[in-house]
Amino acid sequence: MTWMLLGLAIAFEVTGTIALKLSDGMQKIGYVAILAASYGLSFYLMSLVAKVLPVSIVYAIWSGVGLSLITLVGWLFLKESLQWPVFLGMGFVIIGVVMISLYSNTSS
């Protein structure tokens, strides 16, 4: 259940970030509402997950997976151009998340 909540938190964060892009500088109120609701739900779900898992692991996974997903969404659907170093950087982020998750000495 904890991992499902973290997955939902990531999905809401990505949704909020897409709404941020589509809000046209916070001018389109519908997207601003989606942004606020999505980020609010994301942080709420992260707070529930942080009760069970160490916050370093929660945040590393949330930010790393969220960064990778929003980069891919921007590339695939928002037609943002990416060059190979971006994909290399995402690989480093994923490696970093795995390293933090495997070698974190924090307790829950």
PDB file of N, CA and C in Angstrom:
ATOM      1  N   MET A   1       0.815  -1.200   0.000  1.00  0.00           N
ATOM      2  CA  MET A   1       0.000   0.000   0.000  1.00  0.00           C
ATOM      3  C   MET A   1       0.859   1.264   0.000  1.00  0.00           C
ATOM      4  N   THR A   2       1.960   1.231   0.753  1.00  0.00           N
ATOM      5  CA  THR A   2       2.855   2.380   0.842  1.00  0.00           C
ATOM      6  C   THR A   2       3.418   2.742  -0.528  1.00  0.00           C
ATOM      7  N   TRP A   3       3.843   1.727  -1.268  1.00  0.00           N
ATOM      8  CA  TRP A   3       4.434   1.983  -2.587  1.00  0.00           C
ATOM      9  C   TRP A   3       3.380   2.479  -3.575  1.00  0.00           C
ATOM     10  N   MET A   4       2.154   2.017  -3.429  1.00  0.00           N
ATOM     11  CA  MET A   4       1.081   2.505  -4.280  1.00  0.00           C
ATOM     12  C   MET A   4       0.811   3.985  -3.998  1.00  0.00           C
ATOM     13  N   LEU A   5       0.819   4.359  -2.720  1.00  0.00           N
ATOM     14  CA  LEU A   5       0.631   5.765  -2.366  1.00  0.00           C
ATOM     15  C   LEU A   5       1.757   6.632  -2.905  1.00  0.00           C
ATOM     16  N   LEU A   6       2.983   6.116  -2.863  1.00  0.00           N
ATOM     17  CA  LEU A   6       4.112   6.860  -3.421  1.00  0.00           C
ATOM     18  C   LEU A   6       3.955   7.001  -4.939  1.00  0.00           C
ATOM     19  N   GLY A   7       3.514   5.946  -5.595  1.00  0.00           N
ATOM     20  CA  GLY A   7       3.266   6.013  -7.030  1.00  0.00           C
ATOM     21  C   GLY A   7       2.202   7.049  -7.372  1.00  0.00           C
ATOM     22  N   LEU A   8       1.141   7.096  -6.570  1.00  0.00           N
ATOM     23  CA  LEU A   8       0.099   8.106  -6.777  1.00  0.00           C
ATOM     24  C   LEU A   8       0.636   9.513  -6.525  1.00  0.00           C
ATOM     25  N   ALA A   9       1.468   9.664  -5.507  1.00  0.00           N
ATOM     26  CA  ALA A   9       2.074  10.975  -5.234  1.00  0.00           C
ATOM     27  C   ALA A   9       2.905  11.437  -6.423  1.00  0.00           C
ATOM     28  N   ILE A  10       3.633  10.525  -7.025  1.00  0.00           N
ATOM     29  CA  ILE A  10       4.440  10.856  -8.204  1.00  0.00           C
ATOM     30  C   ILE A  10       3.534  11.223  -9.375  1.00  0.00           C
ATOM     31  N   ALA A  11       2.468  10.470  -9.578  1.00  0.00           N
ATOM     32  CA  ALA A  11       1.538  10.755 -10.677  1.00  0.00           C
ATOM     33  C   ALA A  11       0.907  12.135 -10.503  1.00  0.00           C
ATOM     34  N   PHE A  12       0.523  12.492  -9.272  1.00  0.00           N
ATOM     35  CA  PHE A  12      -0.058  13.813  -9.043  1.00  0.00           C
ATOM     36  C   PHE A  12       0.980  14.922  -9.239  1.00  0.00           C
ATOM     37  N   GLU A  13       2.233  14.657  -8.854  1.00  0.00           N
ATOM     38  CA  GLU A  13       3.291  15.654  -9.056  1.00  0.00           C
ATOM     39  C   GLU A  13       3.508  15.904 -10.542  1.00  0.00           C
ATOM     40  N   VAL A  14       3.538  14.839 -11.331  1.00  0.00           N
ATOM     41  CA  VAL A  14       3.709  14.976 -12.776  1.00  0.00           C
ATOM     42  C   VAL A  14       2.514  15.717 -13.377  1.00  0.00           C
ATOM     43  N   THR A  15       1.303  15.376 -12.944  1.00  0.00           N
ATOM     44  CA  THR A  15       0.101  16.070 -13.415  1.00  0.00           C
ATOM     45  C   THR A  15       0.176  17.558 -13.090  1.00  0.00           C
ATOM     46  N   GLY A  16       0.583  17.883 -11.879  1.00  0.00           N
ATOM     47  CA  GLY A  16       0.709  19.286 -11.484  1.00  0.00           C
ATOM     48  C   GLY A  16       1.739  20.030 -12.302  1.00  0.00           C
ATOM     49  N   THR A  17       2.831  19.372 -12.622  1.00  0.00           N
ATOM     50  CA  THR A  17       3.877  20.009 -13.414  1.00  0.00           C
ATOM     51  C   THR A  17       3.419  20.239 -14.850  1.00  0.00           C
ATOM     52  N   ILE A  18       2.681  19.293 -15.405  1.00  0.00           N
ATOM     53  CA  ILE A  18       2.112  19.490 -16.741  1.00  0.00           C
ATOM     54  C   ILE A  18       1.133  20.671 -16.712  1.00  0.00           C
ATOM     55  N   ALA A  19       0.290  20.731 -15.676  1.00  0.00           N
ATOM     56  CA  ALA A  19      -0.657  21.841 -15.544  1.00  0.00           C
ATOM     57  C   ALA A  19       0.081  23.168 -15.401  1.00  0.00           C
ATOM     58  N   LEU A  20       1.222  23.161 -14.723  1.00  0.00           N
ATOM     59  CA  LEU A  20       2.031  24.365 -14.585  1.00  0.00           C
ATOM     60  C   LEU A  20       2.462  24.871 -15.962  1.00  0.00           C
ATOM     61  N   LYS A  21       2.923  23.968 -16.792  1.00  0.00           N
ATOM     62  CA  LYS A  21       3.333  24.326 -18.152  1.00  0.00           C
ATOM     63  C   LYS A  21       2.141  24.870 -18.948  1.00  0.00           C
ATOM     64  N   LEU A  22       1.003  24.210 -18.838  1.00  0.00           N
ATOM     65  CA  LEU A  22      -0.172  24.585 -19.624  1.00  0.00           C
ATOM     66  C   LEU A  22      -0.911  25.812 -19.081  1.00  0.00           C
ATOM     67  N   SER A  23      -0.555  26.252 -17.867  1.00  0.00           N
ATOM     68  CA  SER A  23      -1.268  27.376 -17.244  1.00  0.00           C
ATOM     69  C   SER A  23      -0.910  28.727 -17.854  1.00  0.00           C
ATOM     70  N   ASP A  24       0.095  28.754 -18.731  1.00  0.00           N
ATOM     71  CA  ASP A  24       0.491  29.991 -19.410  1.00  0.00           C
ATOM     72  C   ASP A  24       0.814  31.092 -18.403  1.00  0.00           C
ATOM     73  N   GLY A  25       1.766  30.765 -17.517  1.00  0.00           N
ATOM     74  CA  GLY A  25       2.175  31.752 -16.512  1.00  0.00           C
ATOM     75  C   GLY A  25       1.101  32.044 -15.489  1.00  0.00           C
ATOM     76  N   MET A  26       0.344  31.025 -15.127  1.00  0.00           N
ATOM     77  CA  MET A  26      -0.741  31.112 -14.148  1.00  0.00           C
ATOM     78  C   MET A  26      -1.905  31.979 -14.647  1.00  0.00           C
ATOM     79  N   GLN A  27      -2.047  32.082 -15.956  1.00  0.00           N
ATOM     80  CA  GLN A  27      -3.121  32.890 -16.537  1.00  0.00           C
ATOM     81  C   GLN A  27      -4.386  32.084 -16.802  1.00  0.00           C
ATOM     82  N   LYS A  28      -4.253  30.773 -16.978  1.00  0.00           N
ATOM     83  CA  LYS A  28      -5.413  29.919 -17.264  1.00  0.00           C
ATOM     84  C   LYS A  28      -5.851  29.249 -15.970  1.00  0.00           C
ATOM     85  N   ILE A  29      -6.927  29.765 -15.406  1.00  0.00           N
ATOM     86  CA  ILE A  29      -7.350  29.404 -14.047  1.00  0.00           C
ATOM     87  C   ILE A  29      -7.671  27.922 -13.901  1.00  0.00           C
ATOM     88  N   GLY A  30      -8.188  27.296 -14.942  1.00  0.00           N
ATOM     89  CA  GLY A  30      -8.486  25.863 -14.872  1.00  0.00           C
ATOM     90  C   GLY A  30      -7.235  25.045 -14.616  1.00  0.00           C
ATOM     91  N   TYR A  31      -6.170  25.388 -15.341  1.00  0.00           N
ATOM     92  CA  TYR A  31      -4.903  24.674 -15.136  1.00  0.00           C
ATOM     93  C   TYR A  31      -4.282  25.006 -13.788  1.00  0.00           C
ATOM     94  N   VAL A  32      -4.488  26.233 -13.317  1.00  0.00           N
ATOM     95  CA  VAL A  32      -3.987  26.610 -11.986  1.00  0.00           C
ATOM     96  C   VAL A  32      -4.689  25.776 -10.916  1.00  0.00           C
ATOM     97  N   ALA A  33      -5.981  25.547 -11.082  1.00  0.00           N
ATOM     98  CA  ALA A  33      -6.727  24.717 -10.131  1.00  0.00           C
ATOM     99  C   ALA A  33      -6.216  23.276 -10.149  1.00  0.00           C
ATOM    100  N   ILE A  34      -5.966  22.748 -11.342  1.00  0.00           N
ATOM    101  CA  ILE A  34      -5.416  21.387 -11.467  1.00  0.00           C
ATOM    102  C   ILE A  34      -4.047  21.328 -10.811  1.00  0.00           C
ATOM    103  N   LEU A  35      -3.229  22.344 -11.064  1.00  0.00           N
ATOM    104  CA  LEU A  35      -1.886  22.412 -10.479  1.00  0.00           C
ATOM    105  C   LEU A  35      -1.968  22.376  -8.951  1.00  0.00           C
ATOM    106  N   ALA A  36      -2.791  23.245  -8.376  1.00  0.00           N
ATOM    107  CA  ALA A  36      -2.893  23.334  -6.911  1.00  0.00           C
ATOM    108  C   ALA A  36      -3.410  22.027  -6.304  1.00  0.00           C
ATOM    109  N   ALA A  37      -4.446  21.465  -6.913  1.00  0.00           N
ATOM    110  CA  ALA A  37      -5.008  20.212  -6.394  1.00  0.00           C
ATOM    111  C   ALA A  37      -3.999  19.076  -6.517  1.00  0.00           C
ATOM    112  N   SER A  38      -3.321  19.014  -7.650  1.00  0.00           N
ATOM    113  CA  SER A  38      -2.361  17.927  -7.885  1.00  0.00           C
ATOM    114  C   SER A  38      -1.186  17.997  -6.927  1.00  0.00           C
ATOM    115  N   TYR A  39      -0.604  19.187  -6.772  1.00  0.00           N
ATOM    116  CA  TYR A  39       0.519  19.320  -5.843  1.00  0.00           C
ATOM    117  C   TYR A  39       0.065  19.072  -4.402  1.00  0.00           C
ATOM    118  N   GLY A  40      -1.121  19.579  -4.056  1.00  0.00           N
ATOM    119  CA  GLY A  40      -1.629  19.336  -2.705  1.00  0.00           C
ATOM    120  C   GLY A  40      -1.793  17.856  -2.415  1.00  0.00           C
ATOM    121  N   LEU A  41      -2.395  17.130  -3.347  1.00  0.00           N
ATOM    122  CA  LEU A  41      -2.560  15.678  -3.170  1.00  0.00           C
ATOM    123  C   LEU A  41      -1.214  14.968  -3.141  1.00  0.00           C
ATOM    124  N   SER A  42      -0.310  15.402  -3.991  1.00  0.00           N
ATOM    125  CA  SER A  42       1.010  14.775  -4.025  1.00  0.00           C
ATOM    126  C   SER A  42       1.716  14.901  -2.678  1.00  0.00           C
ATOM    127  N   PHE A  43       1.730  16.120  -2.129  1.00  0.00           N
ATOM    128  CA  PHE A  43       2.403  16.313  -0.840  1.00  0.00           C
ATOM    129  C   PHE A  43       1.669  15.607   0.295  1.00  0.00           C
ATOM    130  N   TYR A  44       0.355  15.573   0.239  1.00  0.00           N
ATOM    131  CA  TYR A  44      -0.397  14.845   1.259  1.00  0.00           C
ATOM    132  C   TYR A  44      -0.034  13.356   1.227  1.00  0.00           C
ATOM    133  N   LEU A  45      -0.033  12.770   0.037  1.00  0.00           N
ATOM    134  CA  LEU A  45       0.309  11.351  -0.078  1.00  0.00           C
ATOM    135  C   LEU A  45       1.759  11.094   0.340  1.00  0.00           C
ATOM    136  N   MET A  46       2.657  12.022  -0.017  1.00  0.00           N
ATOM    137  CA  MET A  46       4.048  11.865   0.424  1.00  0.00           C
ATOM    138  C   MET A  46       4.149  11.892   1.941  1.00  0.00           C
ATOM    139  N   SER A  47       3.324  12.719   2.591  1.00  0.00           N
ATOM    140  CA  SER A  47       3.367  12.780   4.057  1.00  0.00           C
ATOM    141  C   SER A  47       2.930  11.454   4.669  1.00  0.00           C
ATOM    142  N   LEU A  48       1.972  10.783   4.035  1.00  0.00           N
ATOM    143  CA  LEU A  48       1.541   9.465   4.526  1.00  0.00           C
ATOM    144  C   LEU A  48       2.647   8.431   4.334  1.00  0.00           C
ATOM    145  N   VAL A  49       3.302   8.479   3.184  1.00  0.00           N
ATOM    146  CA  VAL A  49       4.377   7.530   2.899  1.00  0.00           C
ATOM    147  C   VAL A  49       5.551   7.768   3.852  1.00  0.00           C
ATOM    148  N   ALA A  50       5.827   9.036   4.172  1.00  0.00           N
ATOM    149  CA  ALA A  50       6.946   9.367   5.057  1.00  0.00           C
ATOM    150  C   ALA A  50       6.720   8.899   6.490  1.00  0.00           C
ATOM    151  N   LYS A  51       5.498   8.518   6.831  1.00  0.00           N
ATOM    152  CA  LYS A  51       5.248   7.923   8.150  1.00  0.00           C
ATOM    153  C   LYS A  51       5.821   6.509   8.222  1.00  0.00           C
ATOM    154  N   VAL A  52       5.962   5.870   7.061  1.00  0.00           N
ATOM    155  CA  VAL A  52       6.370   4.470   7.010  1.00  0.00           C
ATOM    156  C   VAL A  52       7.818   4.318   6.535  1.00  0.00           C
ATOM    157  N   LEU A  53       8.188   5.070   5.523  1.00  0.00           N
ATOM    158  CA  LEU A  53       9.531   4.959   4.932  1.00  0.00           C
ATOM    159  C   LEU A  53      10.374   6.169   5.320  1.00  0.00           C
ATOM    160  N   PRO A  54      11.697   6.016   5.339  1.00  0.00           N
ATOM    161  CA  PRO A  54      12.564   7.162   5.619  1.00  0.00           C
ATOM    162  C   PRO A  54      12.350   8.267   4.586  1.00  0.00           C
ATOM    163  N   VAL A  55      12.316   9.501   5.055  1.00  0.00           N
ATOM    164  CA  VAL A  55      12.030  10.627   4.176  1.00  0.00           C
ATOM    165  C   VAL A  55      13.080  10.764   3.077  1.00  0.00           C
ATOM    166  N   SER A  56      14.325  10.381   3.341  1.00  0.00           N
ATOM    167  CA  SER A  56      15.361  10.469   2.294  1.00  0.00           C
ATOM    168  C   SER A  56      15.023   9.558   1.123  1.00  0.00           C
ATOM    169  N   ILE A  57      14.508   8.392   1.410  1.00  0.00           N
ATOM    170  CA  ILE A  57      14.139   7.455   0.352  1.00  0.00           C
ATOM    171  C   ILE A  57      12.871   7.936  -0.360  1.00  0.00           C
ATOM    172  N   VAL A  58      11.894   8.389   0.406  1.00  0.00           N
ATOM    173  CA  VAL A  58      10.640   8.885  -0.169  1.00  0.00           C
ATOM    174  C   VAL A  58      10.933  10.030  -1.140  1.00  0.00           C
ATOM    175  N   TYR A  59      11.710  10.999  -0.688  1.00  0.00           N
ATOM    176  CA  TYR A  59      11.974  12.169  -1.520  1.00  0.00           C
ATOM    177  C   TYR A  59      12.848  11.820  -2.718  1.00  0.00           C
ATOM    178  N   ALA A  60      13.825  10.946  -2.526  1.00  0.00           N
ATOM    179  CA  ALA A  60      14.688  10.556  -3.643  1.00  0.00           C
ATOM    180  C   ALA A  60      13.874   9.881  -4.741  1.00  0.00           C
ATOM    181  N   ILE A  61      13.010   8.975  -4.363  1.00  0.00           N
ATOM    182  CA  ILE A  61      12.191   8.272  -5.361  1.00  0.00           C
ATOM    183  C   ILE A  61      11.189   9.225  -5.990  1.00  0.00           C
ATOM    184  N   TRP A  62      10.511  10.023  -5.176  1.00  0.00           N
ATOM    185  CA  TRP A  62       9.507  10.969  -5.678  1.00  0.00           C
ATOM    186  C   TRP A  62      10.126  11.942  -6.677  1.00  0.00           C
ATOM    187  N   SER A  63      11.253  12.533  -6.297  1.00  0.00           N
ATOM    188  CA  SER A  63      11.855  13.534  -7.182  1.00  0.00           C
ATOM    189  C   SER A  63      12.520  12.900  -8.386  1.00  0.00           C
ATOM    190  N   GLY A  64      13.205  11.778  -8.203  1.00  0.00           N
ATOM    191  CA  GLY A  64      13.901  11.140  -9.326  1.00  0.00           C
ATOM    192  C   GLY A  64      12.955  10.582 -10.368  1.00  0.00           C
ATOM    193  N   VAL A  65      11.952   9.852  -9.921  1.00  0.00           N
ATOM    194  CA  VAL A  65      10.978   9.285 -10.863  1.00  0.00           C
ATOM    195  C   VAL A  65      10.141  10.406 -11.481  1.00  0.00           C
ATOM    196  N   GLY A  66       9.753  11.389 -10.660  1.00  0.00           N
ATOM    197  CA  GLY A  66       8.992  12.523 -11.181  1.00  0.00           C
ATOM    198  C   GLY A  66       9.772  13.290 -12.234  1.00  0.00           C
ATOM    199  N   LEU A  67      11.040  13.551 -11.979  1.00  0.00           N
ATOM    200  CA  LEU A  67      11.892  14.240 -12.953  1.00  0.00           C
ATOM    201  C   LEU A  67      11.979  13.462 -14.252  1.00  0.00           C
ATOM    202  N   SER A  68      12.209  12.181 -14.152  1.00  0.00           N
ATOM    203  CA  SER A  68      12.319  11.357 -15.358  1.00  0.00           C
ATOM    204  C   SER A  68      11.014  11.326 -16.134  1.00  0.00           C
ATOM    205  N   LEU A  69       9.897  11.152 -15.432  1.00  0.00           N
ATOM    206  CA  LEU A  69       8.598  11.104 -16.111  1.00  0.00           C
ATOM    207  C   LEU A  69       8.238  12.429 -16.767  1.00  0.00           C
ATOM    208  N   ILE A  70       8.442  13.540 -16.070  1.00  0.00           N
ATOM    209  CA  ILE A  70       8.062  14.829 -16.653  1.00  0.00           C
ATOM    210  C   ILE A  70       8.979  15.178 -17.819  1.00  0.00           C
ATOM    211  N   THR A  71      10.222  14.755 -17.768  1.00  0.00           N
ATOM    212  CA  THR A  71      11.119  14.979 -18.904  1.00  0.00           C
ATOM    213  C   THR A  71      10.630  14.207 -20.119  1.00  0.00           C
ATOM    214  N   LEU A  72      10.227  12.955 -19.907  1.00  0.00           N
ATOM    215  CA  LEU A  72       9.710  12.152 -21.014  1.00  0.00           C
ATOM    216  C   LEU A  72       8.376  12.687 -21.532  1.00  0.00           C
ATOM    217  N   VAL A  73       7.505  13.128 -20.636  1.00  0.00           N
ATOM    218  CA  VAL A  73       6.221  13.706 -21.058  1.00  0.00           C
ATOM    219  C   VAL A  73       6.472  14.971 -21.889  1.00  0.00           C
ATOM    220  N   GLY A  74       7.379  15.809 -21.431  1.00  0.00           N
ATOM    221  CA  GLY A  74       7.716  17.018 -22.184  1.00  0.00           C
ATOM    222  C   GLY A  74       8.229  16.708 -23.567  1.00  0.00           C
ATOM    223  N   TRP A  75       9.030  15.690 -23.664  1.00  0.00           N
ATOM    224  CA  TRP A  75       9.615  15.286 -24.949  1.00  0.00           C
ATOM    225  C   TRP A  75       8.564  14.660 -25.862  1.00  0.00           C
ATOM    226  N   LEU A  76       7.778  13.725 -25.315  1.00  0.00           N
ATOM    227  CA  LEU A  76       6.833  12.975 -26.139  1.00  0.00           C
ATOM    228  C   LEU A  76       5.564  13.740 -26.484  1.00  0.00           C
ATOM    229  N   PHE A  77       5.029  14.521 -25.531  1.00  0.00           N
ATOM    230  CA  PHE A  77       3.717  15.122 -25.728  1.00  0.00           C
ATOM    231  C   PHE A  77       3.739  16.642 -25.867  1.00  0.00           C
ATOM    232  N   LEU A  78       4.712  17.290 -25.242  1.00  0.00           N
ATOM    233  CA  LEU A  78       4.780  18.747 -25.309  1.00  0.00           C
ATOM    234  C   LEU A  78       5.789  19.220 -26.348  1.00  0.00           C
ATOM    235  N   LYS A  79       6.373  18.276 -27.063  1.00  0.00           N
ATOM    236  CA  LYS A  79       7.294  18.557 -28.177  1.00  0.00           C
ATOM    237  C   LYS A  79       8.522  19.364 -27.760  1.00  0.00           C
ATOM    238  N   GLU A  80       8.980  19.143 -26.527  1.00  0.00           N
ATOM    239  CA  GLU A  80      10.212  19.787 -26.078  1.00  0.00           C
ATOM    240  C   GLU A  80      11.391  18.983 -26.605  1.00  0.00           C
ATOM    241  N   SER A  81      12.396  19.681 -27.083  1.00  0.00           N
ATOM    242  CA  SER A  81      13.521  18.970 -27.673  1.00  0.00           C
ATOM    243  C   SER A  81      14.522  18.562 -26.585  1.00  0.00           C
ATOM    244  N   LEU A  82      15.009  17.360 -26.712  1.00  0.00           N
ATOM    245  CA  LEU A  82      16.006  16.838 -25.780  1.00  0.00           C
ATOM    246  C   LEU A  82      17.182  16.299 -26.570  1.00  0.00           C
ATOM    247  N   GLN A  83      18.356  16.453 -26.010  1.00  0.00           N
ATOM    248  CA  GLN A  83      19.558  15.897 -26.616  1.00  0.00           C
ATOM    249  C   GLN A  83      20.061  14.764 -25.729  1.00  0.00           C
ATOM    250  N   TRP A  84      20.955  13.979 -26.244  1.00  0.00           N
ATOM    251  CA  TRP A  84      21.403  12.780 -25.539  1.00  0.00           C
ATOM    252  C   TRP A  84      21.933  13.051 -24.130  1.00  0.00           C
ATOM    253  N   PRO A  85      22.587  14.196 -23.835  1.00  0.00           N
ATOM    254  CA  PRO A  85      23.040  14.402 -22.454  1.00  0.00           C
ATOM    255  C   PRO A  85      21.897  14.426 -21.435  1.00  0.00           C
ATOM    256  N   VAL A  86      20.693  14.820 -21.868  1.00  0.00           N
ATOM    257  CA  VAL A  86      19.548  14.813 -20.958  1.00  0.00           C
ATOM    258  C   VAL A  86      19.221  13.385 -20.533  1.00  0.00           C
ATOM    259  N   PHE A  87      19.241  12.477 -21.487  1.00  0.00           N
ATOM    260  CA  PHE A  87      18.969  11.073 -21.166  1.00  0.00           C
ATOM    261  C   PHE A  87      20.076  10.489 -20.289  1.00  0.00           C
ATOM    262  N   LEU A  88      21.300  10.892 -20.538  1.00  0.00           N
ATOM    263  CA  LEU A  88      22.413  10.466 -19.693  1.00  0.00           C
ATOM    264  C   LEU A  88      22.205  10.984 -18.268  1.00  0.00           C
ATOM    265  N   GLY A  89      21.804  12.245 -18.148  1.00  0.00           N
ATOM    266  CA  GLY A  89      21.536  12.821 -16.834  1.00  0.00           C
ATOM    267  C   GLY A  89      20.420  12.100 -16.103  1.00  0.00           C
ATOM    268  N   MET A  90      19.362  11.737 -16.838  1.00  0.00           N
ATOM    269  CA  MET A  90      18.274  10.971 -16.206  1.00  0.00           C
ATOM    270  C   MET A  90      18.792   9.627 -15.709  1.00  0.00           C
ATOM    271  N   GLY A  91      19.685   9.020 -16.461  1.00  0.00           N
ATOM    272  CA  GLY A  91      20.286   7.772 -16.008  1.00  0.00           C
ATOM    273  C   GLY A  91      21.048   7.963 -14.704  1.00  0.00           C
ATOM    274  N   PHE A  92      21.796   9.070 -14.609  1.00  0.00           N
ATOM    275  CA  PHE A  92      22.515   9.363 -13.367  1.00  0.00           C
ATOM    276  C   PHE A  92      21.549   9.589 -12.202  1.00  0.00           C
ATOM    277  N   VAL A  93      20.437  10.267 -12.461  1.00  0.00           N
ATOM    278  CA  VAL A  93      19.441  10.484 -11.412  1.00  0.00           C
ATOM    279  C   VAL A  93      18.894   9.150 -10.927  1.00  0.00           C
ATOM    280  N   ILE A  94      18.577   8.271 -11.858  1.00  0.00           N
ATOM    281  CA  ILE A  94      18.036   6.958 -11.485  1.00  0.00           C
ATOM    282  C   ILE A  94      19.067   6.169 -10.688  1.00  0.00           C
ATOM    283  N   ILE A  95      20.310   6.214 -11.120  1.00  0.00           N
ATOM    284  CA  ILE A  95      21.379   5.537 -10.367  1.00  0.00           C
ATOM    285  C   ILE A  95      21.475   6.132  -8.962  1.00  0.00           C
ATOM    286  N   GLY A  96      21.377   7.450  -8.845  1.00  0.00           N
ATOM    287  CA  GLY A  96      21.430   8.104  -7.538  1.00  0.00           C
ATOM    288  C   GLY A  96      20.292   7.675  -6.629  1.00  0.00           C
ATOM    289  N   VAL A  97      19.097   7.578  -7.185  1.00  0.00           N
ATOM    290  CA  VAL A  97      17.942   7.139  -6.392  1.00  0.00           C
ATOM    291  C   VAL A  97      18.153   5.714  -5.898  1.00  0.00           C
ATOM    292  N   VAL A  98      18.637   4.859  -6.764  1.00  0.00           N
ATOM    293  CA  VAL A  98      18.899   3.468  -6.369  1.00  0.00           C
ATOM    294  C   VAL A  98      19.963   3.427  -5.284  1.00  0.00           C
ATOM    295  N   MET A  99      21.021   4.208  -5.430  1.00  0.00           N
ATOM    296  CA  MET A  99      22.102   4.223  -4.429  1.00  0.00           C
ATOM    297  C   MET A  99      21.574   4.701  -3.067  1.00  0.00           C
ATOM    298  N   ILE A 100      20.781   5.769  -3.074  1.00  0.00           N
ATOM    299  CA  ILE A 100      20.224   6.270  -1.812  1.00  0.00           C
ATOM    300  C   ILE A 100      19.316   5.217  -1.188  1.00  0.00           C
ATOM    301  N   SER A 101      18.493   4.588  -2.005  1.00  0.00           N
ATOM    302  CA  SER A 101      17.567   3.580  -1.488  1.00  0.00           C
ATOM    303  C   SER A 101      18.304   2.376  -0.923  1.00  0.00           C
ATOM    304  N   LEU A 102      19.363   1.947  -1.582  1.00  0.00           N
ATOM    305  CA  LEU A 102      20.095   0.761  -1.140  1.00  0.00           C
ATOM    306  C   LEU A 102      20.995   1.024   0.063  1.00  0.00           C
ATOM    307  N   TYR A 103      21.593   2.212   0.109  1.00  0.00           N
ATOM    308  CA  TYR A 103      22.622   2.444   1.102  1.00  0.00           C
ATOM    309  C   TYR A 103      22.247   3.470   2.172  1.00  0.00           C
ATOM    310  N   SER A 104      20.981   3.843   2.237  1.00  0.00           N
ATOM    311  CA  SER A 104      20.555   4.779   3.264  1.00  0.00           C
ATOM    312  C   SER A 104      20.548   4.074   4.602  1.00  0.00           C
ATOM    313  N   ASN A 105      21.144   4.700   5.594  1.00  0.00           N
ATOM    314  CA  ASN A 105      21.185   4.132   6.946  1.00  0.00           C
ATOM    315  C   ASN A 105      20.117   4.718   7.850  1.00  0.00           C
ATOM    316  N   THR A 106      19.189   5.465   7.266  1.00  0.00           N
ATOM    317  CA  THR A 106      18.135   6.060   8.090  1.00  0.00           C
ATOM    318  C   THR A 106      17.121   4.995   8.469  1.00  0.00           C
ATOM    319  N   SER A 107      16.475   5.204   9.583  1.00  0.00           N
ATOM    320  CA  SER A 107      15.442   4.260  10.004  1.00  0.00           C
ATOM    321  C   SER A 107      14.090   4.929   9.893  1.00  0.00           C
ATOM    322  N   SER A 108      13.057   4.112   9.763  1.00  0.00           N
ATOM    323  CA  SER A 108      11.716   4.686   9.612  1.00  0.00           C
ATOM    324  C   SER A 108      11.064   4.957  10.929  1.00  0.00           C
TER     325      SER A 108
END
